[in-house]
Amino acid sequence: MAAHIEGVEHHSIKVKGLTLHYAAAGDEDAPLVVLLHGFPECWYSWRHQLTALAAAGYRAVAPDQRGFARSDAPAPVEAYTLPNLVGDVVSLVRQLGRERFAVVGHDWGAPVAWLTAQLRPDLVRGVVGLSVPPPAPDPGDTPPLTALAKMFDGRFYQNYFCQPDVADAEFAEAPENTFRRFLYGASGDNPQTNPPPQPLVPPGSTFLETLDEPKELPAWLTEDDIAVFTEEYRHNGFTGGLNLYRNIDRNWELGAAWDALPIQVPALYVVGDRDLVGVFPGMDQLLPALQQLNPTLHPTVTLPGCGHWTQQERPAEVNAALLDFLGGLPD
């Protein structure tokens, strides 16, 4: 099912040899806000924000990140590092003829947004992360995936996602079921996320078997939404997004170059209190220290009863937080 949203345009643009698709809304000369989705998502995850930001006087642009939906998907796994994705954002903005912008990211889009702000404060007016907080300084010498595998006997979902071709095939077998289980399973509407469990895959199980299939969809998610996500993933499938996980250790190595680099621009973190990210290893120490580590960070906005799909589950609250934050940014 092709999505049509009144006032939302679709464009393609060449960025460093890749063709990226993006959705956009609002006056082309209005202040620019770039919206970066996560996994397994695409531009459509921002359907509520595109129109709200446009109505408030902004130019909102939501690209499909490389490997996702309608954008090009490079074959090499190593083409999906955080610097690659940050480069896509900077190049996209330049191609749009802009010099300054605000950036908002959710899930995997959040680390891209945070790093874009860290590396390019000359371009970024402000940064917002949904679900995933700003990174902590690197605590040691063990690659993250190795540490997670040891901590959870290889059952942590990120280790599962990194197995070659396993999750790719599982998710592609019945995409409608994949989106239904993902979007409901990690939402605040699923009783299993109160409190959020550690996302582990038992031996002999698949990832989707750990997520309940809903008897009915929650109010924020429709059958048409599931159909749109399914159609958007028809071309590239899930491998590009999974390649982000397969670069976690590579990002850890590359990150020595910007470890503990402070965020110098105004920043905001928005999270649901039923988000599984909140129970990831180390979050119990990181979350209370966010303000100390990031002096430009505004007070965290915590959404009661909200799970992982922040801007989809709670569009009104997220839109209000974004507009309040964006309205206070310097030119």
Protein backbone atom coordinates (compact mmCIF):
# COMPACT_ATOMS: atom_id res chain seq x y z
CA MET A 1 0.00 0.00 0.00
CA ALA A 2 1.48 3.35 -1.05
CA ALA A 3 1.18 6.06 1.57
CA HIS A 4 -0.34 9.40 0.67
CA ILE A 5 -0.18 12.13 3.30
CA GLU A 6 -1.60 15.51 2.42
CA GLY A 7 1.19 18.08 2.21
CA VAL A 8 4.04 15.54 2.20
CA GLU A 9 6.24 15.44 -0.92
CA HIS A 10 8.65 12.70 -1.98
CA HIS A 11 12.04 13.33 -3.57
CA SER A 12 15.26 11.52 -4.44
CA ILE A 13 18.70 13.06 -4.23
CA LYS A 14 22.25 11.90 -5.00
CA VAL A 15 24.51 11.82 -1.96
CA LYS A 16 28.12 10.66 -2.37
CA GLY A 17 27.16 8.19 -5.10
CA LEU A 18 24.02 6.96 -3.34
CA THR A 19 20.45 7.83 -4.15
CA LEU A 20 18.53 8.70 -0.99
CA HIS A 21 14.78 9.03 -0.86
CA TYR A 22 13.26 11.57 1.47
CA ALA A 23 9.82 12.81 2.42
CA ALA A 24 9.38 16.51 3.08
CA ALA A 25 6.75 18.98 4.21
CA GLY A 26 6.65 22.72 4.77
CA ASP A 27 8.01 25.81 3.04
CA GLU A 28 11.35 25.13 1.35
CA ASP A 29 12.82 28.31 2.85
CA ALA A 30 11.64 27.62 6.41
CA PRO A 31 14.06 26.49 9.16
CA LEU A 32 15.16 22.93 8.39
CA VAL A 33 14.53 19.95 10.67
CA VAL A 34 15.96 16.55 9.63
CA LEU A 35 14.17 13.49 11.03
CA LEU A 36 16.13 10.21 11.22
CA HIS A 37 14.27 6.92 11.68
CA GLY A 38 15.38 3.67 13.29
CA PHE A 39 14.92 -0.07 12.68
CA PRO A 40 12.75 -1.54 11.30
CA GLU A 41 11.34 1.78 10.15
CA CYS A 42 11.56 4.40 7.40
CA TRP A 43 10.39 7.93 6.61
CA TYR A 44 6.80 6.88 7.45
CA SER A 45 7.67 6.66 11.14
CA TRP A 46 7.62 10.48 11.11
CA ARG A 47 4.19 10.81 9.47
CA HIS A 48 2.78 12.73 12.43
CA GLN A 49 5.80 15.00 12.83
CA LEU A 50 6.21 15.96 9.15
CA THR A 51 2.84 17.65 9.00
CA ALA A 52 2.97 19.12 12.52
CA LEU A 53 6.38 20.70 11.95
CA ALA A 54 5.29 22.07 8.58
CA ALA A 55 2.18 23.61 10.13
CA ALA A 56 4.37 25.27 12.76
CA GLY A 57 6.57 26.94 10.13
CA TYR A 58 9.42 24.46 9.63
CA ARG A 59 10.74 22.54 6.64
CA ALA A 60 10.70 18.92 7.80
CA VAL A 61 12.75 16.35 5.88
CA ALA A 62 12.66 12.63 6.72
CA PRO A 63 15.13 10.58 4.64
CA ASP A 64 15.17 6.83 4.33
CA GLN A 65 18.63 6.15 5.71
CA ARG A 66 20.98 4.11 3.52
CA GLY A 67 19.84 0.51 3.19
CA PHE A 68 16.24 1.29 4.13
CA ALA A 69 13.04 1.40 2.10
CA ARG A 70 13.43 3.47 -1.10
CA SER A 71 17.06 4.56 -0.61
CA ASP A 72 20.04 2.75 -2.08
CA ALA A 73 21.48 -0.17 -0.11
CA PRO A 74 25.26 -0.61 -0.52
CA ALA A 75 26.29 -4.25 -0.43
CA PRO A 76 29.32 -4.14 1.92
CA VAL A 77 28.45 -4.51 5.59
CA GLU A 78 31.15 -1.98 6.47
CA ALA A 79 29.26 0.72 4.51
CA TYR A 80 26.84 1.11 7.44
CA THR A 81 28.99 2.73 10.13
CA LEU A 82 27.87 5.77 12.08
CA PRO A 83 30.33 8.03 10.19
CA ASN A 84 28.78 6.81 6.92
CA LEU A 85 25.31 7.75 8.12
CA VAL A 86 26.42 11.09 9.56
CA GLY A 87 28.05 11.82 6.21
CA ASP A 88 24.75 11.11 4.49
CA VAL A 89 23.00 13.65 6.72
CA VAL A 90 25.59 16.37 6.15
CA SER A 91 25.67 15.72 2.40
CA LEU A 92 21.87 15.69 2.19
CA VAL A 93 21.63 19.05 3.93
CA ARG A 94 24.28 20.52 1.65
CA GLN A 95 22.48 19.19 -1.42
CA LEU A 96 19.37 20.93 -0.15
CA GLY A 97 21.32 24.18 -0.17
CA ARG A 98 21.25 24.62 3.60
CA GLU A 99 23.95 25.59 6.05
CA ARG A 100 22.13 25.17 9.38
CA PHE A 101 19.58 22.65 10.61
CA ALA A 102 18.15 20.87 13.63
CA VAL A 103 18.33 17.08 13.73
CA VAL A 104 16.00 14.60 15.45
CA GLY A 105 16.63 10.87 15.63
CA HIS A 106 14.79 7.84 16.98
CA ASP A 107 16.23 4.38 17.74
CA TRP A 108 19.23 3.97 15.36
CA GLY A 109 18.52 7.48 14.09
CA ALA A 110 19.32 8.84 17.56
CA PRO A 111 23.02 7.81 17.60
CA VAL A 112 23.30 9.31 14.11
CA ALA A 113 21.71 12.53 15.34
CA TRP A 114 23.87 12.71 18.49
CA LEU A 115 27.07 12.10 16.51
CA THR A 116 26.07 14.62 13.84
CA ALA A 117 25.72 17.22 16.59
CA GLN A 118 29.01 16.21 18.23
CA LEU A 119 31.03 16.36 15.00
CA ARG A 120 29.30 19.28 13.28
CA PRO A 121 28.22 21.92 15.82
CA ASP A 122 28.96 24.45 13.07
CA LEU A 123 25.94 23.09 11.17
CA VAL A 124 23.59 21.76 13.84
CA ARG A 125 21.35 24.27 15.67
CA GLY A 126 19.99 21.68 18.06
CA VAL A 127 19.62 17.92 18.48
CA VAL A 128 16.86 15.67 19.83
CA GLY A 129 17.17 11.97 20.54
CA LEU A 130 14.13 9.74 21.06
CA SER A 131 14.54 6.45 22.95
CA VAL A 132 18.37 6.24 22.73
CA PRO A 133 20.25 8.72 24.94
CA PRO A 134 23.53 10.51 24.22
CA PRO A 135 26.44 8.08 24.42
CA ALA A 136 28.52 7.54 27.53
CA PRO A 137 32.33 7.79 27.47
CA ASP A 138 33.84 4.43 26.54
CA PRO A 139 34.38 2.48 29.78
CA GLY A 140 36.91 -0.14 28.69
CA ASP A 141 38.71 -2.30 26.15
CA THR A 142 36.11 -4.97 25.40
CA PRO A 143 34.10 -4.67 22.14
CA PRO A 144 30.41 -4.21 22.96
CA LEU A 145 29.13 -7.30 21.14
CA THR A 146 31.73 -9.46 22.87
CA ALA A 147 30.74 -8.04 26.24
CA LEU A 148 27.04 -8.57 25.55
CA ALA A 149 27.59 -12.12 24.35
CA LYS A 150 29.47 -12.94 27.54
CA MET A 151 26.94 -11.18 29.77
CA PHE A 152 23.90 -12.97 28.32
CA ASP A 153 25.41 -16.21 26.95
CA GLY A 154 24.89 -14.98 23.38
CA ARG A 155 21.14 -14.44 23.86
CA PHE A 156 21.06 -10.63 23.63
CA TYR A 157 19.04 -9.61 20.59
CA GLN A 158 21.89 -7.57 19.08
CA ASN A 159 24.09 -10.67 18.97
CA TYR A 160 21.24 -12.55 17.31
CA PHE A 161 20.83 -9.79 14.69
CA CYS A 162 24.52 -10.02 13.82
CA GLN A 163 24.38 -13.64 12.69
CA PRO A 164 24.76 -13.63 8.88
CA ASP A 165 21.45 -14.02 7.03
CA VAL A 166 19.52 -15.31 10.06
CA ALA A 167 17.34 -12.37 11.09
CA ASP A 168 17.30 -11.16 7.46
CA ALA A 169 15.50 -14.30 6.34
CA GLU A 170 13.31 -14.50 9.42
CA PHE A 171 11.96 -10.96 9.03
CA ALA A 172 11.55 -11.20 5.24
CA GLU A 173 9.54 -14.43 5.35
CA ALA A 174 6.32 -12.66 6.36
CA PRO A 175 6.94 -8.90 6.57
CA GLU A 176 3.40 -8.07 7.72
CA ASN A 177 3.84 -10.37 10.71
CA THR A 178 7.31 -8.90 11.35
CA PHE A 179 6.01 -5.34 11.58
CA ARG A 180 2.96 -6.38 13.57
CA ARG A 181 5.08 -8.16 16.20
CA PHE A 182 7.86 -5.53 16.28
CA LEU A 183 5.59 -2.51 16.60
CA TYR A 184 3.21 -4.01 19.13
CA GLY A 185 5.78 -6.09 20.98
CA ALA A 186 8.03 -3.18 21.96
CA SER A 187 5.19 -0.72 22.55
CA GLY A 188 3.82 0.49 25.83
CA ASP A 189 0.52 -1.24 24.98
CA ASN A 190 2.09 -4.67 25.39
CA PRO A 191 1.66 -5.76 29.05
CA GLN A 192 5.06 -7.47 28.82
CA THR A 193 6.78 -4.04 28.66
CA ASN A 194 5.52 -3.10 32.13
CA PRO A 195 8.22 -3.31 33.35
CA PRO A 196 10.38 -3.66 30.21
CA PRO A 197 12.19 -7.01 29.94
CA GLN A 198 15.76 -7.54 28.79
CA PRO A 199 15.47 -8.36 25.05
CA LEU A 200 16.90 -11.89 24.94
CA VAL A 201 16.42 -14.67 22.39
CA PRO A 202 16.36 -18.11 24.06
CA PRO A 203 18.40 -20.92 22.45
CA GLY A 204 16.49 -22.58 19.65
CA SER A 205 14.05 -19.67 19.31
CA THR A 206 13.72 -16.91 16.76
CA PHE A 207 13.55 -13.22 17.63
CA LEU A 208 9.93 -12.86 16.51
CA GLU A 209 8.92 -15.73 18.77
CA THR A 210 9.90 -13.53 21.73
CA LEU A 211 7.30 -10.92 20.70
CA ASP A 212 3.58 -11.42 21.16
CA GLU A 213 1.37 -11.10 18.11
CA PRO A 214 -1.44 -8.73 19.11
CA LYS A 215 -5.03 -9.89 19.00
CA GLU A 216 -5.82 -6.33 17.95
CA LEU A 217 -3.61 -3.37 17.13
CA PRO A 218 -3.21 -0.51 19.62
CA ALA A 219 -5.01 2.74 18.86
CA TRP A 220 -1.90 4.46 17.45
CA LEU A 221 -1.25 1.72 14.86
CA THR A 222 -3.58 0.73 12.01
CA GLU A 223 -3.70 -2.06 9.47
CA ASP A 224 -2.95 0.60 6.84
CA ASP A 225 0.22 1.56 8.75
CA ILE A 226 1.36 -2.08 8.73
CA ALA A 227 0.63 -2.23 4.99
CA VAL A 228 2.68 0.91 4.33
CA PHE A 229 5.73 -0.37 6.23
CA THR A 230 5.45 -3.70 4.40
CA GLU A 231 5.33 -1.99 1.02
CA GLU A 232 8.20 0.37 1.84
CA TYR A 233 10.40 -2.63 2.74
CA ARG A 234 9.52 -4.59 -0.39
CA HIS A 235 12.55 -3.37 -2.36
CA ASN A 236 15.46 -3.56 0.11
CA GLY A 237 14.20 -5.92 2.77
CA PHE A 238 15.78 -5.86 6.23
CA THR A 239 19.48 -6.44 5.57
CA GLY A 240 20.51 -2.78 5.35
CA GLY A 241 19.02 -2.05 8.74
CA LEU A 242 20.53 -5.16 10.30
CA ASN A 243 23.92 -4.06 8.99
CA LEU A 244 23.79 -1.19 11.48
CA TYR A 245 23.95 -3.78 14.27
CA ARG A 246 26.74 -5.60 12.47
CA ASN A 247 28.82 -2.42 12.75
CA ILE A 248 28.44 -1.97 16.51
CA ASP A 249 31.98 -3.14 17.21
CA ARG A 250 33.34 -1.20 14.23
CA ASN A 251 31.65 1.94 15.55
CA TRP A 252 33.22 1.25 18.94
CA GLU A 253 36.68 1.18 17.31
CA LEU A 254 36.06 4.28 15.21
CA GLY A 255 34.55 6.04 18.22
CA ALA A 256 37.94 6.41 19.87
CA ALA A 257 38.29 9.50 17.65
CA TRP A 258 35.34 11.28 19.31
CA ASP A 259 35.06 9.50 22.68
CA ALA A 260 33.77 11.86 25.38
CA LEU A 261 33.46 14.71 22.88
CA PRO A 262 30.82 16.95 24.44
CA ILE A 263 27.64 17.98 22.70
CA GLN A 264 28.02 21.72 22.31
CA VAL A 265 24.56 22.59 20.97
CA PRO A 266 21.18 22.60 22.71
CA ALA A 267 19.97 19.01 23.16
CA LEU A 268 16.87 17.14 24.30
CA TYR A 269 16.21 13.51 25.20
CA VAL A 270 12.68 12.07 25.02
CA VAL A 271 11.89 8.54 26.23
CA GLY A 272 8.99 6.34 27.25
CA ASP A 273 9.09 4.77 30.68
CA ARG A 274 8.30 1.36 29.12
CA ASP A 275 11.07 1.57 26.52
CA LEU A 276 13.29 -1.53 26.47
CA VAL A 277 16.34 0.66 25.87
CA GLY A 278 16.05 1.79 29.48
CA VAL A 279 17.00 -1.66 30.77
CA PHE A 280 19.99 -2.20 28.46
CA PRO A 281 23.27 -2.89 30.32
CA GLY A 282 24.80 0.31 31.67
CA MET A 283 21.65 2.43 31.37
CA ASP A 284 21.13 2.41 35.14
CA GLN A 285 24.40 4.36 35.43
CA LEU A 286 24.17 6.45 32.25
CA LEU A 287 20.65 7.87 32.55
CA PRO A 288 21.13 9.55 35.97
CA ALA A 289 24.41 11.09 34.72
CA LEU A 290 23.12 12.50 31.42
CA GLN A 291 22.92 16.11 32.57
CA GLN A 292 26.38 16.03 34.11
CA LEU A 293 27.89 14.48 30.98
CA ASN A 294 26.03 16.84 28.63
CA PRO A 295 25.63 20.34 30.09
CA THR A 296 23.65 21.57 27.05
CA LEU A 297 21.02 18.85 27.56
CA HIS A 298 17.56 20.09 28.52
CA PRO A 299 15.63 18.17 31.21
CA THR A 300 14.61 14.73 29.94
CA VAL A 301 11.01 14.37 28.76
CA THR A 302 9.68 11.02 30.04
CA LEU A 303 6.38 9.78 28.62
CA PRO A 304 4.42 7.56 31.05
CA GLY A 305 3.13 4.31 29.57
CA CYS A 306 5.05 4.83 26.32
CA GLY A 307 7.21 2.07 24.86
CA HIS A 308 9.92 2.14 22.23
CA TRP A 309 8.11 3.69 19.24
CA THR A 310 8.09 7.12 20.83
CA GLN A 311 6.91 9.45 18.06
CA GLN A 312 4.39 6.94 16.73
CA GLU A 313 2.91 5.97 20.10
CA ARG A 314 2.69 9.52 21.46
CA PRO A 315 2.65 11.93 18.51
CA ALA A 316 0.91 14.80 20.30
CA GLU A 317 3.33 14.78 23.26
CA VAL A 318 6.38 14.36 21.04
CA ASN A 319 5.25 17.13 18.70
CA ALA A 320 4.71 19.46 21.64
CA ALA A 321 8.17 18.68 23.05
CA LEU A 322 9.80 19.19 19.64
CA LEU A 323 8.07 22.50 18.98
CA ASP A 324 8.89 23.80 22.45
CA PHE A 325 12.55 22.84 22.00
CA LEU A 326 12.88 24.08 18.42
CA GLY A 327 11.18 27.37 19.28
CA GLY A 328 13.94 28.16 21.77
CA LEU A 329 16.91 27.48 19.50
CA PRO A 330 19.22 30.29 18.45
CA ASP A 331 19.33 31.12 14.73
